[in-house]
Amino acid sequence: MGNMVGIVNIDDEVHDQIRKASSVSCRSINAQAAFWIKIGMLCEMNPTMSFNEIVARELKAAGVAPESVRVAGGPPDAVKAAAA
């Protein structure tokens, strides 16, 4: 995918929401908008899949193995006990 530059006119309220979301997700405003656009397109093309299913599929396609990601120290004892 190339780095095409363009101008997209969006409502001020949508821009404000993108700005707020970008600060939470540690993305630039442009990266947040691009993420929402990509996810929106994928959701429209795959209406029977949930957001989580789409993200999991995209991560798998990128070679990310969620099973190998662990929190330092493992889960808290309360989580271990609840799972038992």
Protein backbone atom coordinates (compact mmCIF):
# COMPACT_ATOMS: atom_id res chain seq x y z
CA MET A 1 0.00 0.00 0.00
CA GLY A 2 1.49 3.32 -1.04
CA ASN A 3 1.69 6.50 0.95
CA MET A 4 -0.86 8.51 -0.97
CA VAL A 5 -1.65 11.92 0.41
CA GLY A 6 -5.11 13.34 0.08
CA ILE A 7 -7.59 15.58 1.72
CA VAL A 8 -10.75 14.15 3.24
CA ASN A 9 -13.44 16.49 4.47
CA ILE A 10 -14.95 15.27 7.72
CA ASP A 11 -17.31 16.78 10.22
CA ASP A 12 -15.67 18.69 13.10
CA GLU A 13 -17.29 16.35 15.64
CA VAL A 14 -15.87 13.28 13.87
CA HIS A 15 -12.43 14.91 13.81
CA ASP A 16 -12.73 15.61 17.54
CA GLN A 17 -13.63 11.96 18.20
CA ILE A 18 -10.66 10.80 16.09
CA ARG A 19 -8.36 13.12 18.04
CA LYS A 20 -9.63 11.78 21.38
CA ALA A 21 -9.39 8.15 20.26
CA SER A 22 -5.88 8.68 18.90
CA SER A 23 -4.63 9.82 22.30
CA VAL A 24 -6.03 6.69 23.96
CA SER A 25 -4.69 4.29 21.34
CA CYS A 26 -1.26 5.98 21.03
CA ARG A 27 -1.78 6.63 17.31
CA SER A 28 -1.45 9.84 15.37
CA ILE A 29 -4.72 11.43 14.30
CA ASN A 30 -4.05 10.29 10.72
CA ALA A 31 -3.21 6.75 11.83
CA GLN A 32 -6.40 6.58 13.92
CA ALA A 33 -8.50 7.77 10.97
CA ALA A 34 -6.79 5.24 8.69
CA PHE A 35 -7.42 2.46 11.22
CA TRP A 36 -11.12 3.31 11.48
CA ILE A 37 -11.41 3.51 7.70
CA LYS A 38 -9.70 0.14 7.23
CA ILE A 39 -11.78 -1.56 9.93
CA GLY A 40 -14.95 0.00 8.53
CA MET A 41 -14.15 -1.32 5.06
CA LEU A 42 -13.38 -4.79 6.43
CA CYS A 43 -16.63 -4.78 8.43
CA GLU A 44 -18.64 -3.83 5.33
CA MET A 45 -16.95 -6.56 3.29
CA ASN A 46 -17.41 -9.15 6.06
CA PRO A 47 -20.80 -8.36 7.65
CA THR A 48 -21.06 -11.69 9.45
CA MET A 49 -17.77 -11.26 11.30
CA SER A 50 -17.43 -9.40 14.61
CA PHE A 51 -14.88 -6.66 15.16
CA ASN A 52 -12.81 -9.06 17.30
CA GLU A 53 -12.89 -11.74 14.60
CA ILE A 54 -11.74 -9.24 11.98
CA VAL A 55 -8.90 -7.94 14.16
CA ALA A 56 -7.82 -11.51 15.03
CA ARG A 57 -7.82 -12.43 11.33
CA GLU A 58 -5.77 -9.35 10.43
CA LEU A 59 -3.27 -10.01 13.22
CA LYS A 60 -2.91 -13.64 12.12
CA ALA A 61 -2.40 -12.54 8.50
CA ALA A 62 0.36 -10.20 9.71
CA GLY A 63 2.07 -13.07 11.52
CA VAL A 64 1.18 -12.03 15.07
CA ALA A 65 0.77 -15.03 17.37
CA PRO A 66 -1.41 -13.93 20.31
CA GLU A 67 -0.72 -17.19 22.15
CA SER A 68 2.93 -16.17 22.54
CA VAL A 69 2.11 -12.80 24.11
CA ARG A 70 2.09 -12.99 27.89
CA VAL A 71 1.89 -10.45 30.66
CA ALA A 72 5.05 -10.34 32.77
CA GLY A 73 4.60 -12.66 35.72
CA GLY A 74 1.58 -14.40 34.21
CA PRO A 75 -2.03 -13.91 35.28
CA PRO A 76 -2.84 -12.87 38.86
CA ASP A 77 -3.71 -15.63 41.33
CA ALA A 78 -7.37 -14.52 41.34
CA VAL A 79 -7.56 -15.13 37.59
CA LYS A 80 -5.87 -18.53 37.96
CA ALA A 81 -8.30 -19.52 40.71
CA ALA A 82 -11.35 -18.41 38.70
CA ALA A 83 -10.17 -20.45 35.71
CA ALA A 84 -9.72 -23.60 37.81
